[in-house]
Amino acid sequence: MKLSFIDPGRLRTELRLMAVVAVADGMGGRTEDWVEVASLFAHVEPQRADSRFGAGQTLESVSHRITLRHRADVASGMRFARDGRFFDIRTVHDPDETGRYLVCLANEVQS
């Protein structure tokens, strides 16, 4: 997708942006939980799929390129969610440094 001439109509996949938070477990410890930060629209493109065998099991991974309108609150370590699917954000960058869009490289994970 050429970002300098992106058709805003391509940003039509609704995603939930989620962040991990620490929650007290009532016994002096903490657990981690995911909370929704925002609902947004993006263009999701599968990039690569791998299947490897290791430790007696098949390990599959799928990476995606997710393009959305620029937001200051998106960072690596967060995730996108859609219909029971989760995409852990690895990198976030402004591809043409205009402040119009962000491109996130993400791995689809099982949750």
PDB file of N, CA and C in Angstrom:
ATOM      1  N   MET A   1       0.848  -1.163   0.000  1.00  0.00           N
ATOM      2  CA  MET A   1       0.000   0.000   0.000  1.00  0.00           C
ATOM      3  C   MET A   1       0.897   1.231   0.000  1.00  0.00           C
ATOM      4  N   LYS A   2       0.740   2.118  -0.949  1.00  0.00           N
ATOM      5  CA  LYS A   2       1.522   3.336  -1.033  1.00  0.00           C
ATOM      6  C   LYS A   2       0.903   4.366  -0.099  1.00  0.00           C
ATOM      7  N   LEU A   3       1.625   4.752   0.932  1.00  0.00           N
ATOM      8  CA  LEU A   3       1.049   5.573   1.987  1.00  0.00           C
ATOM      9  C   LEU A   3       0.816   7.015   1.600  1.00  0.00           C
ATOM     10  N   SER A   4       1.561   7.559   0.697  1.00  0.00           N
ATOM     11  CA  SER A   4       1.371   8.964   0.356  1.00  0.00           C
ATOM     12  C   SER A   4       0.032   9.198  -0.346  1.00  0.00           C
ATOM     13  N   PHE A   5      -0.557   8.141  -0.896  1.00  0.00           N
ATOM     14  CA  PHE A   5      -1.839   8.280  -1.580  1.00  0.00           C
ATOM     15  C   PHE A   5      -2.852   7.258  -1.066  1.00  0.00           C
ATOM     16  N   ILE A   6      -2.844   6.998   0.220  1.00  0.00           N
ATOM     17  CA  ILE A   6      -3.747   5.995   0.778  1.00  0.00           C
ATOM     18  C   ILE A   6      -5.196   6.446   0.647  1.00  0.00           C
ATOM     19  N   ASP A   7      -6.022   5.523   0.257  1.00  0.00           N
ATOM     20  CA  ASP A   7      -7.456   5.766   0.193  1.00  0.00           C
ATOM     21  C   ASP A   7      -8.013   5.545   1.597  1.00  0.00           C
ATOM     22  N   PRO A   8      -8.538   6.569   2.260  1.00  0.00           N
ATOM     23  CA  PRO A   8      -9.048   6.403   3.618  1.00  0.00           C
ATOM     24  C   PRO A   8     -10.132   5.329   3.715  1.00  0.00           C
ATOM     25  N   GLY A   9     -10.779   4.999   2.603  1.00  0.00           N
ATOM     26  CA  GLY A   9     -11.786   3.948   2.594  1.00  0.00           C
ATOM     27  C   GLY A   9     -11.202   2.565   2.856  1.00  0.00           C
ATOM     28  N   ARG A  10      -9.895   2.418   2.703  1.00  0.00           N
ATOM     29  CA  ARG A  10      -9.246   1.124   2.989  1.00  0.00           C
ATOM     30  C   ARG A  10      -9.118   0.878   4.487  1.00  0.00           C
ATOM     31  N   LEU A  11      -9.234   1.921   5.291  1.00  0.00           N
ATOM     32  CA  LEU A  11      -9.148   1.779   6.745  1.00  0.00           C
ATOM     33  C   LEU A  11     -10.527   1.386   7.260  1.00  0.00           C
ATOM     34  N   ARG A  12     -10.940   0.154   6.952  1.00  0.00           N
ATOM     35  CA  ARG A  12     -12.309  -0.242   7.257  1.00  0.00           C
ATOM     36  C   ARG A  12     -12.436  -1.447   8.189  1.00  0.00           C
ATOM     37  N   THR A  13     -11.316  -1.955   8.678  1.00  0.00           N
ATOM     38  CA  THR A  13     -11.350  -3.058   9.633  1.00  0.00           C
ATOM     39  C   THR A  13     -11.367  -2.474  11.032  1.00  0.00           C
ATOM     40  N   GLU A  14     -12.429  -2.738  11.776  1.00  0.00           N
ATOM     41  CA  GLU A  14     -12.523  -2.205  13.126  1.00  0.00           C
ATOM     42  C   GLU A  14     -11.713  -3.066  14.089  1.00  0.00           C
ATOM     43  N   LEU A  15     -10.839  -2.419  14.830  1.00  0.00           N
ATOM     44  CA  LEU A  15      -9.975  -3.087  15.794  1.00  0.00           C
ATOM     45  C   LEU A  15     -10.124  -2.424  17.161  1.00  0.00           C
ATOM     46  N   ARG A  16      -9.834  -3.188  18.185  1.00  0.00           N
ATOM     47  CA  ARG A  16      -9.752  -2.637  19.539  1.00  0.00           C
ATOM     48  C   ARG A  16      -8.283  -2.564  19.910  1.00  0.00           C
ATOM     49  N   LEU A  17      -7.836  -1.398  20.332  1.00  0.00           N
ATOM     50  CA  LEU A  17      -6.473  -1.223  20.818  1.00  0.00           C
ATOM     51  C   LEU A  17      -6.482  -1.565  22.299  1.00  0.00           C
ATOM     52  N   MET A  18      -5.556  -2.440  22.717  1.00  0.00           N
ATOM     53  CA  MET A  18      -5.538  -2.905  24.099  1.00  0.00           C
ATOM     54  C   MET A  18      -4.145  -2.720  24.710  1.00  0.00           C
ATOM     55  N   ALA A  19      -4.140  -2.465  26.022  1.00  0.00           N
ATOM     56  CA  ALA A  19      -2.892  -2.331  26.774  1.00  0.00           C
ATOM     57  C   ALA A  19      -2.943  -3.276  27.968  1.00  0.00           C
ATOM     58  N   VAL A  20      -1.794  -3.748  28.379  1.00  0.00           N
ATOM     59  CA  VAL A  20      -1.720  -4.640  29.533  1.00  0.00           C
ATOM     60  C   VAL A  20      -1.595  -3.794  30.800  1.00  0.00           C
ATOM     61  N   VAL A  21      -2.325  -4.193  31.843  1.00  0.00           N
ATOM     62  CA  VAL A  21      -2.258  -3.505  33.131  1.00  0.00           C
ATOM     63  C   VAL A  21      -2.034  -4.539  34.230  1.00  0.00           C
ATOM     64  N   ALA A  22      -1.365  -4.098  35.289  1.00  0.00           N
ATOM     65  CA  ALA A  22      -1.155  -4.962  36.454  1.00  0.00           C
ATOM     66  C   ALA A  22      -2.349  -4.805  37.391  1.00  0.00           C
ATOM     67  N   VAL A  23      -2.877  -5.937  37.853  1.00  0.00           N
ATOM     68  CA  VAL A  23      -4.031  -5.943  38.742  1.00  0.00           C
ATOM     69  C   VAL A  23      -3.641  -6.680  40.017  1.00  0.00           C
ATOM     70  N   ALA A  24      -3.931  -6.062  41.165  1.00  0.00           N
ATOM     71  CA  ALA A  24      -3.620  -6.712  42.440  1.00  0.00           C
ATOM     72  C   ALA A  24      -4.446  -7.989  42.561  1.00  0.00           C
ATOM     73  N   ASP A  25      -3.803  -9.069  43.043  1.00  0.00           N
ATOM     74  CA  ASP A  25      -4.508 -10.349  43.158  1.00  0.00           C
ATOM     75  C   ASP A  25      -5.111 -10.577  44.546  1.00  0.00           C
ATOM     76  N   GLY A  26      -4.991  -9.589  45.446  1.00  0.00           N
ATOM     77  CA  GLY A  26      -5.573  -9.708  46.776  1.00  0.00           C
ATOM     78  C   GLY A  26      -4.698 -10.436  47.775  1.00  0.00           C
ATOM     79  N   MET A  27      -3.566 -10.958  47.336  1.00  0.00           N
ATOM     80  CA  MET A  27      -2.657 -11.675  48.239  1.00  0.00           C
ATOM     81  C   MET A  27      -1.259 -11.073  48.198  1.00  0.00           C
ATOM     82  N   GLY A  28      -1.175  -9.816  47.825  1.00  0.00           N
ATOM     83  CA  GLY A  28       0.109  -9.133  47.786  1.00  0.00           C
ATOM     84  C   GLY A  28       0.831  -9.241  46.464  1.00  0.00           C
ATOM     85  N   GLY A  29       0.282  -9.960  45.540  1.00  0.00           N
ATOM     86  CA  GLY A  29       0.905 -10.111  44.226  1.00  0.00           C
ATOM     87  C   GLY A  29       0.119  -9.377  43.160  1.00  0.00           C
ATOM     88  N   ARG A  30       0.521  -9.591  41.944  1.00  0.00           N
ATOM     89  CA  ARG A  30      -0.148  -8.950  40.805  1.00  0.00           C
ATOM     90  C   ARG A  30      -0.335  -9.944  39.673  1.00  0.00           C
ATOM     91  N   THR A  31      -1.362  -9.714  38.902  1.00  0.00           N
ATOM     92  CA  THR A  31      -1.566 -10.449  37.660  1.00  0.00           C
ATOM     93  C   THR A  31      -1.684  -9.425  36.546  1.00  0.00           C
ATOM     94  N   GLU A  32      -1.526  -9.864  35.324  1.00  0.00           N
ATOM     95  CA  GLU A  32      -1.657  -8.956  34.185  1.00  0.00           C
ATOM     96  C   GLU A  32      -2.964  -9.226  33.469  1.00  0.00           C
ATOM     97  N   ASP A  33      -3.590  -8.155  33.003  1.00  0.00           N
ATOM     98  CA  ASP A  33      -4.843  -8.267  32.263  1.00  0.00           C
ATOM     99  C   ASP A  33      -4.826  -7.238  31.137  1.00  0.00           C
ATOM    100  N   TRP A  34      -5.558  -7.532  30.064  1.00  0.00           N
ATOM    101  CA  TRP A  34      -5.644  -6.626  28.925  1.00  0.00           C
ATOM    102  C   TRP A  34      -6.910  -5.784  29.049  1.00  0.00           C
ATOM    103  N   VAL A  35      -6.772  -4.457  28.842  1.00  0.00           N
ATOM    104  CA  VAL A  35      -7.928  -3.558  28.862  1.00  0.00           C
ATOM    105  C   VAL A  35      -7.991  -2.787  27.543  1.00  0.00           C
ATOM    106  N   GLU A  36      -9.203  -2.493  27.111  1.00  0.00           N
ATOM    107  CA  GLU A  36      -9.393  -1.748  25.868  1.00  0.00           C
ATOM    108  C   GLU A  36      -9.074  -0.278  26.085  1.00  0.00           C
ATOM    109  N   VAL A  37      -8.252   0.273  25.199  1.00  0.00           N
ATOM    110  CA  VAL A  37      -7.864   1.674  25.245  1.00  0.00           C
ATOM    111  C   VAL A  37      -8.712   2.483  24.275  1.00  0.00           C
ATOM    112  N   ALA A  38      -8.963   1.918  23.089  1.00  0.00           N
ATOM    113  CA  ALA A  38      -9.705   2.647  22.053  1.00  0.00           C
ATOM    114  C   ALA A  38     -10.240   1.672  21.008  1.00  0.00           C
ATOM    115  N   SER A  39     -11.220   2.141  20.273  1.00  0.00           N
ATOM    116  CA  SER A  39     -11.724   1.428  19.101  1.00  0.00           C
ATOM    117  C   SER A  39     -11.324   2.273  17.897  1.00  0.00           C
ATOM    118  N   LEU A  40     -10.797   1.633  16.849  1.00  0.00           N
ATOM    119  CA  LEU A  40     -10.300   2.382  15.695  1.00  0.00           C
ATOM    120  C   LEU A  40     -10.476   1.560  14.428  1.00  0.00           C
ATOM    121  N   PHE A  41     -10.241   2.200  13.300  1.00  0.00           N
ATOM    122  CA  PHE A  41     -10.323   1.521  12.008  1.00  0.00           C
ATOM    123  C   PHE A  41      -8.944   1.494  11.370  1.00  0.00           C
ATOM    124  N   ALA A  42      -8.629   0.370  10.717  1.00  0.00           N
ATOM    125  CA  ALA A  42      -7.293   0.175  10.147  1.00  0.00           C
ATOM    126  C   ALA A  42      -7.382  -0.697   8.899  1.00  0.00           C
ATOM    127  N   HIS A  43      -6.263  -0.783   8.209  1.00  0.00           N
ATOM    128  CA  HIS A  43      -6.108  -1.699   7.073  1.00  0.00           C
ATOM    129  C   HIS A  43      -5.158  -2.797   7.530  1.00  0.00           C
ATOM    130  N   VAL A  44      -5.610  -4.053   7.492  1.00  0.00           N
ATOM    131  CA  VAL A  44      -4.825  -5.181   7.975  1.00  0.00           C
ATOM    132  C   VAL A  44      -4.379  -6.023   6.789  1.00  0.00           C
ATOM    133  N   GLU A  45      -3.062  -6.217   6.667  1.00  0.00           N
ATOM    134  CA  GLU A  45      -2.486  -7.003   5.572  1.00  0.00           C
ATOM    135  C   GLU A  45      -1.624  -8.125   6.138  1.00  0.00           C
ATOM    136  N   PRO A  46      -1.961  -9.377   5.879  1.00  0.00           N
ATOM    137  CA  PRO A  46      -1.060 -10.463   6.268  1.00  0.00           C
ATOM    138  C   PRO A  46       0.253 -10.309   5.503  1.00  0.00           C
ATOM    139  N   GLN A  47       1.371 -10.540   6.190  1.00  0.00           N
ATOM    140  CA  GLN A  47       2.677 -10.380   5.567  1.00  0.00           C
ATOM    141  C   GLN A  47       3.407 -11.697   5.387  1.00  0.00           C
ATOM    142  N   ARG A  48       3.378 -12.530   6.421  1.00  0.00           N
ATOM    143  CA  ARG A  48       4.182 -13.742   6.372  1.00  0.00           C
ATOM    144  C   ARG A  48       3.585 -14.798   7.295  1.00  0.00           C
ATOM    145  N   ALA A  49       3.632 -16.024   6.862  1.00  0.00           N
ATOM    146  CA  ALA A  49       3.192 -17.150   7.691  1.00  0.00           C
ATOM    147  C   ALA A  49       4.311 -18.181   7.735  1.00  0.00           C
ATOM    148  N   ASP A  50       4.598 -18.668   8.939  1.00  0.00           N
ATOM    149  CA  ASP A  50       5.650 -19.662   9.139  1.00  0.00           C
ATOM    150  C   ASP A  50       5.095 -20.823   9.935  1.00  0.00           C
ATOM    151  N   SER A  51       5.610 -21.989   9.663  1.00  0.00           N
ATOM    152  CA  SER A  51       5.265 -23.172  10.445  1.00  0.00           C
ATOM    153  C   SER A  51       6.562 -23.913  10.730  1.00  0.00           C
ATOM    154  N   ARG A  52       6.837 -24.131  12.018  1.00  0.00           N
ATOM    155  CA  ARG A  52       8.059 -24.821  12.426  1.00  0.00           C
ATOM    156  C   ARG A  52       7.692 -25.929  13.390  1.00  0.00           C
ATOM    157  N   PHE A  53       8.501 -26.951  13.390  1.00  0.00           N
ATOM    158  CA  PHE A  53       8.298 -28.041  14.329  1.00  0.00           C
ATOM    159  C   PHE A  53       9.364 -27.937  15.405  1.00  0.00           C
ATOM    160  N   GLY A  54       8.933 -27.922  16.656  1.00  0.00           N
ATOM    161  CA  GLY A  54       9.878 -27.844  17.761  1.00  0.00           C
ATOM    162  C   GLY A  54       9.234 -28.282  19.055  1.00  0.00           C
ATOM    163  N   ALA A  55      10.011 -28.916  19.906  1.00  0.00           N
ATOM    164  CA  ALA A  55       9.542 -29.376  21.214  1.00  0.00           C
ATOM    165  C   ALA A  55       8.320 -30.281  21.082  1.00  0.00           C
ATOM    166  N   GLY A  56       8.313 -31.099  20.046  1.00  0.00           N
ATOM    167  CA  GLY A  56       7.231 -32.059  19.869  1.00  0.00           C
ATOM    168  C   GLY A  56       5.918 -31.468  19.400  1.00  0.00           C
ATOM    169  N   GLN A  57       5.953 -30.244  18.891  1.00  0.00           N
ATOM    170  CA  GLN A  57       4.717 -29.629  18.408  1.00  0.00           C
ATOM    171  C   GLN A  57       5.001 -28.710  17.232  1.00  0.00           C
ATOM    172  N   THR A  58       3.974 -28.415  16.460  1.00  0.00           N
ATOM    173  CA  THR A  58       4.101 -27.493  15.345  1.00  0.00           C
ATOM    174  C   THR A  58       3.831 -26.081  15.858  1.00  0.00           C
ATOM    175  N   LEU A  59       4.757 -25.178  15.581  1.00  0.00           N
ATOM    176  CA  LEU A  59       4.630 -23.784  15.991  1.00  0.00           C
ATOM    177  C   LEU A  59       4.339 -22.957  14.753  1.00  0.00           C
ATOM    178  N   GLU A  60       3.192 -22.298  14.746  1.00  0.00           N
ATOM    179  CA  GLU A  60       2.804 -21.485  13.602  1.00  0.00           C
ATOM    180  C   GLU A  60       2.775 -20.022  14.002  1.00  0.00           C
ATOM    181  N   SER A  61       3.201 -19.166  13.090  1.00  0.00           N
ATOM    182  CA  SER A  61       3.147 -17.727  13.347  1.00  0.00           C
ATOM    183  C   SER A  61       2.747 -17.007  12.067  1.00  0.00           C
ATOM    184  N   VAL A  62       1.974 -15.939  12.245  1.00  0.00           N
ATOM    185  CA  VAL A  62       1.536 -15.110  11.132  1.00  0.00           C
ATOM    186  C   VAL A  62       1.806 -13.661  11.511  1.00  0.00           C
ATOM    187  N   SER A  63       2.479 -12.934  10.634  1.00  0.00           N
ATOM    188  CA  SER A  63       2.725 -11.518  10.893  1.00  0.00           C
ATOM    189  C   SER A  63       1.837 -10.675   9.992  1.00  0.00           C
ATOM    190  N   HIS A  64       1.494  -9.484  10.469  1.00  0.00           N
ATOM    191  CA  HIS A  64       0.610  -8.568   9.754  1.00  0.00           C
ATOM    192  C   HIS A  64       1.195  -7.165   9.758  1.00  0.00           C
ATOM    193  N   ARG A  65       0.844  -6.421   8.734  1.00  0.00           N
ATOM    194  CA  ARG A  65       1.144  -4.989   8.652  1.00  0.00           C
ATOM    195  C   ARG A  65      -0.199  -4.299   8.839  1.00  0.00           C
ATOM    196  N   ILE A  66      -0.299  -3.459   9.859  1.00  0.00           N
ATOM    197  CA  ILE A  66      -1.556  -2.801  10.194  1.00  0.00           C
ATOM    198  C   ILE A  66      -1.357  -1.291  10.075  1.00  0.00           C
ATOM    199  N   THR A  67      -2.114  -0.667   9.174  1.00  0.00           N
ATOM    200  CA  THR A  67      -2.008   0.770   8.925  1.00  0.00           C
ATOM    201  C   THR A  67      -3.238   1.458   9.504  1.00  0.00           C
ATOM    202  N   LEU A  68      -3.016   2.535  10.254  1.00  0.00           N
ATOM    203  CA  LEU A  68      -4.110   3.280  10.867  1.00  0.00           C
ATOM    204  C   LEU A  68      -3.781   4.760  10.875  1.00  0.00           C
ATOM    205  N   ARG A  69      -4.797   5.568  11.158  1.00  0.00           N
ATOM    206  CA  ARG A  69      -4.544   7.002  11.299  1.00  0.00           C
ATOM    207  C   ARG A  69      -3.653   7.216  12.514  1.00  0.00           C
ATOM    208  N   HIS A  70      -2.836   8.253  12.439  1.00  0.00           N
ATOM    209  CA  HIS A  70      -1.871   8.518  13.505  1.00  0.00           C
ATOM    210  C   HIS A  70      -2.561   8.713  14.850  1.00  0.00           C
ATOM    211  N   ARG A  71      -2.008   8.084  15.871  1.00  0.00           N
ATOM    212  CA  ARG A  71      -2.452   8.224  17.267  1.00  0.00           C
ATOM    213  C   ARG A  71      -1.206   8.274  18.126  1.00  0.00           C
ATOM    214  N   ALA A  72      -1.222   9.116  19.149  1.00  0.00           N
ATOM    215  CA  ALA A  72      -0.060   9.238  20.019  1.00  0.00           C
ATOM    216  C   ALA A  72       0.019   8.112  21.043  1.00  0.00           C
ATOM    217  N   ASP A  73      -1.077   7.360  21.233  1.00  0.00           N
ATOM    218  CA  ASP A  73      -1.111   6.365  22.306  1.00  0.00           C
ATOM    219  C   ASP A  73      -0.848   4.938  21.845  1.00  0.00           C
ATOM    220  N   VAL A  74      -0.352   4.724  20.649  1.00  0.00           N
ATOM    221  CA  VAL A  74      -0.044   3.377  20.163  1.00  0.00           C
ATOM    222  C   VAL A  74       1.446   3.108  20.370  1.00  0.00           C
ATOM    223  N   ALA A  75       1.761   1.961  20.975  1.00  0.00           N
ATOM    224  CA  ALA A  75       3.166   1.639  21.252  1.00  0.00           C
ATOM    225  C   ALA A  75       3.388   0.135  21.154  1.00  0.00           C
ATOM    226  N   SER A  76       4.640  -0.254  20.936  1.00  0.00           N
ATOM    227  CA  SER A  76       4.960  -1.676  20.955  1.00  0.00           C
ATOM    228  C   SER A  76       4.649  -2.208  22.346  1.00  0.00           C
ATOM    229  N   GLY A  77       4.273  -3.482  22.425  1.00  0.00           N
ATOM    230  CA  GLY A  77       3.865  -4.076  23.682  1.00  0.00           C
ATOM    231  C   GLY A  77       2.359  -4.053  23.882  1.00  0.00           C
ATOM    232  N   MET A  78       1.655  -3.257  23.068  1.00  0.00           N
ATOM    233  CA  MET A  78       0.193  -3.239  23.099  1.00  0.00           C
ATOM    234  C   MET A  78      -0.301  -4.301  22.127  1.00  0.00           C
ATOM    235  N   ARG A  79      -1.615  -4.399  21.965  1.00  0.00           N
ATOM    236  CA  ARG A  79      -2.162  -5.343  20.991  1.00  0.00           C
ATOM    237  C   ARG A  79      -3.446  -4.804  20.398  1.00  0.00           C
ATOM    238  N   PHE A  80      -3.760  -5.342  19.218  1.00  0.00           N
ATOM    239  CA  PHE A  80      -5.056  -5.106  18.587  1.00  0.00           C
ATOM    240  C   PHE A  80      -5.874  -6.380  18.741  1.00  0.00           C
ATOM    241  N   ALA A  81      -7.192  -6.233  18.828  1.00  0.00           N
ATOM    242  CA  ALA A  81      -8.077  -7.395  18.920  1.00  0.00           C
ATOM    243  C   ALA A  81      -9.235  -7.210  17.940  1.00  0.00           C
ATOM    244  N   ARG A  82      -9.671  -8.348  17.376  1.00  0.00           N
ATOM    245  CA  ARG A  82     -10.819  -8.338  16.466  1.00  0.00           C
ATOM    246  C   ARG A  82     -11.405  -9.741  16.404  1.00  0.00           C
ATOM    247  N   ASP A  83     -12.670  -9.870  16.760  1.00  0.00           N
ATOM    248  CA  ASP A  83     -13.403 -11.130  16.631  1.00  0.00           C
ATOM    249  C   ASP A  83     -12.632 -12.333  17.186  1.00  0.00           C
ATOM    250  N   GLY A  84     -12.088 -12.206  18.386  1.00  0.00           N
ATOM    251  CA  GLY A  84     -11.371 -13.319  18.999  1.00  0.00           C
ATOM    252  C   GLY A  84      -9.949 -13.516  18.506  1.00  0.00           C
ATOM    253  N   ARG A  85      -9.478 -12.646  17.633  1.00  0.00           N
ATOM    254  CA  ARG A  85      -8.101 -12.686  17.147  1.00  0.00           C
ATOM    255  C   ARG A  85      -7.304 -11.578  17.830  1.00  0.00           C
ATOM    256  N   PHE A  86      -6.020 -11.843  18.095  1.00  0.00           N
ATOM    257  CA  PHE A  86      -5.177 -10.877  18.784  1.00  0.00           C
ATOM    258  C   PHE A  86      -3.887 -10.690  18.011  1.00  0.00           C
ATOM    259  N   PHE A  87      -3.447  -9.428  17.901  1.00  0.00           N
ATOM    260  CA  PHE A  87      -2.253  -9.052  17.158  1.00  0.00           C
ATOM    261  C   PHE A  87      -1.333  -8.268  18.083  1.00  0.00           C
ATOM    262  N   ASP A  88      -0.252  -8.886  18.542  1.00  0.00           N
ATOM    263  CA  ASP A  88       0.715  -8.211  19.411  1.00  0.00           C
ATOM    264  C   ASP A  88       1.569  -7.263  18.583  1.00  0.00           C
ATOM    265  N   ILE A  89       1.610  -6.005  18.997  1.00  0.00           N
ATOM    266  CA  ILE A  89       2.346  -4.979  18.251  1.00  0.00           C
ATOM    267  C   ILE A  89       3.839  -5.080  18.575  1.00  0.00           C
ATOM    268  N   ARG A  90       4.649  -5.291  17.531  1.00  0.00           N
ATOM    269  CA  ARG A  90       6.112  -5.361  17.686  1.00  0.00           C
ATOM    270  C   ARG A  90       6.762  -4.012  17.437  1.00  0.00           C
ATOM    271  N   THR A  91       6.351  -3.331  16.359  1.00  0.00           N
ATOM    272  CA  THR A  91       6.937  -2.029  16.027  1.00  0.00           C
ATOM    273  C   THR A  91       5.841  -1.066  15.592  1.00  0.00           C
ATOM    274  N   VAL A  92       6.104   0.215  15.805  1.00  0.00           N
ATOM    275  CA  VAL A  92       5.190   1.287  15.398  1.00  0.00           C
ATOM    276  C   VAL A  92       6.043   2.377  14.774  1.00  0.00           C
ATOM    277  N   HIS A  93       5.654   2.818  13.579  1.00  0.00           N
ATOM    278  CA  HIS A  93       6.395   3.938  12.991  1.00  0.00           C
ATOM    279  C   HIS A  93       5.507   4.752  12.059  1.00  0.00           C
ATOM    280  N   ASP A  94       5.911   5.997  11.869  1.00  0.00           N
ATOM    281  CA  ASP A  94       5.258   6.924  10.950  1.00  0.00           C
ATOM    282  C   ASP A  94       6.049   6.827   9.640  1.00  0.00           C
ATOM    283  N   PRO A  95       5.504   6.140   8.636  1.00  0.00           N
ATOM    284  CA  PRO A  95       6.310   5.799   7.452  1.00  0.00           C
ATOM    285  C   PRO A  95       6.812   6.978   6.634  1.00  0.00           C
ATOM    286  N   ASP A  96       6.076   8.081   6.594  1.00  0.00           N
ATOM    287  CA  ASP A  96       6.554   9.220   5.810  1.00  0.00           C
ATOM    288  C   ASP A  96       6.747  10.465   6.679  1.00  0.00           C
ATOM    289  N   GLU A  97       6.702  10.286   8.000  1.00  0.00           N
ATOM    290  CA  GLU A  97       6.947  11.338   8.973  1.00  0.00           C
ATOM    291  C   GLU A  97       6.080  12.569   8.774  1.00  0.00           C
ATOM    292  N   THR A  98       4.822  12.355   8.391  1.00  0.00           N
ATOM    293  CA  THR A  98       3.890  13.471   8.212  1.00  0.00           C
ATOM    294  C   THR A  98       2.871  13.557   9.339  1.00  0.00           C
ATOM    295  N   GLY A  99       2.836  12.545  10.213  1.00  0.00           N
ATOM    296  CA  GLY A  99       1.863  12.541  11.290  1.00  0.00           C
ATOM    297  C   GLY A  99       0.461  12.165  10.837  1.00  0.00           C
ATOM    298  N   ARG A 100       0.340  11.575   9.632  1.00  0.00           N
ATOM    299  CA  ARG A 100      -0.981  11.185   9.125  1.00  0.00           C
ATOM    300  C   ARG A 100      -1.322   9.739   9.445  1.00  0.00           C
ATOM    301  N   TYR A 101      -0.340   8.846   9.332  1.00  0.00           N
ATOM    302  CA  TYR A 101      -0.592   7.416   9.501  1.00  0.00           C
ATOM    303  C   TYR A 101       0.468   6.787  10.390  1.00  0.00           C
ATOM    304  N   LEU A 102       0.126   5.624  10.928  1.00  0.00           N
ATOM    305  CA  LEU A 102       1.080   4.768  11.615  1.00  0.00           C
ATOM    306  C   LEU A 102       1.041   3.400  10.946  1.00  0.00           C
ATOM    307  N   VAL A 103       2.177   2.771  10.869  1.00  0.00           N
ATOM    308  CA  VAL A 103       2.253   1.394  10.398  1.00  0.00           C
ATOM    309  C   VAL A 103       2.781   0.556  11.565  1.00  0.00           C
ATOM    310  N   CYS A 104       2.019  -0.474  11.911  1.00  0.00           N
ATOM    311  CA  CYS A 104       2.410  -1.368  12.992  1.00  0.00           C
ATOM    312  C   CYS A 104       2.702  -2.739  12.402  1.00  0.00           C
ATOM    313  N   LEU A 105       3.820  -3.322  12.777  1.00  0.00           N
ATOM    314  CA  LEU A 105       4.096  -4.703  12.443  1.00  0.00           C
ATOM    315  C   LEU A 105       3.688  -5.509  13.661  1.00  0.00           C
ATOM    316  N   ALA A 106       2.848  -6.524  13.444  1.00  0.00           N
ATOM    317  CA  ALA A 106       2.267  -7.268  14.556  1.00  0.00           C
ATOM    318  C   ALA A 106       2.263  -8.753  14.264  1.00  0.00           C
ATOM    319  N   ASN A 107       2.326  -9.555  15.314  1.00  0.00           N
ATOM    320  CA  ASN A 107       2.224 -11.005  15.203  1.00  0.00           C
ATOM    321  C   ASN A 107       0.871 -11.437  15.740  1.00  0.00           C
ATOM    322  N   GLU A 108       0.191 -12.277  14.997  1.00  0.00           N
ATOM    323  CA  GLU A 108      -1.071 -12.835  15.487  1.00  0.00           C
ATOM    324  C   GLU A 108      -0.748 -13.897  16.523  1.00  0.00           C
ATOM    325  N   VAL A 109      -1.431 -13.827  17.653  1.00  0.00           N
ATOM    326  CA  VAL A 109      -1.171 -14.750  18.758  1.00  0.00           C
ATOM    327  C   VAL A 109      -2.468 -15.414  19.189  1.00  0.00           C
ATOM    328  N   GLN A 110      -2.316 -16.583  19.800  1.00  0.00           N
ATOM    329  CA  GLN A 110      -3.461 -17.275  20.389  1.00  0.00           C
ATOM    330  C   GLN A 110      -3.593 -16.795  21.824  1.00  0.00           C
ATOM    331  N   SER A 111      -4.821 -16.568  22.246  1.00  0.00           N
ATOM    332  CA  SER A 111      -4.991 -16.110  23.624  1.00  0.00           C
ATOM    333  C   SER A 111      -5.980 -16.975  24.359  1.00  0.00           C
TER     334      SER A 111
END
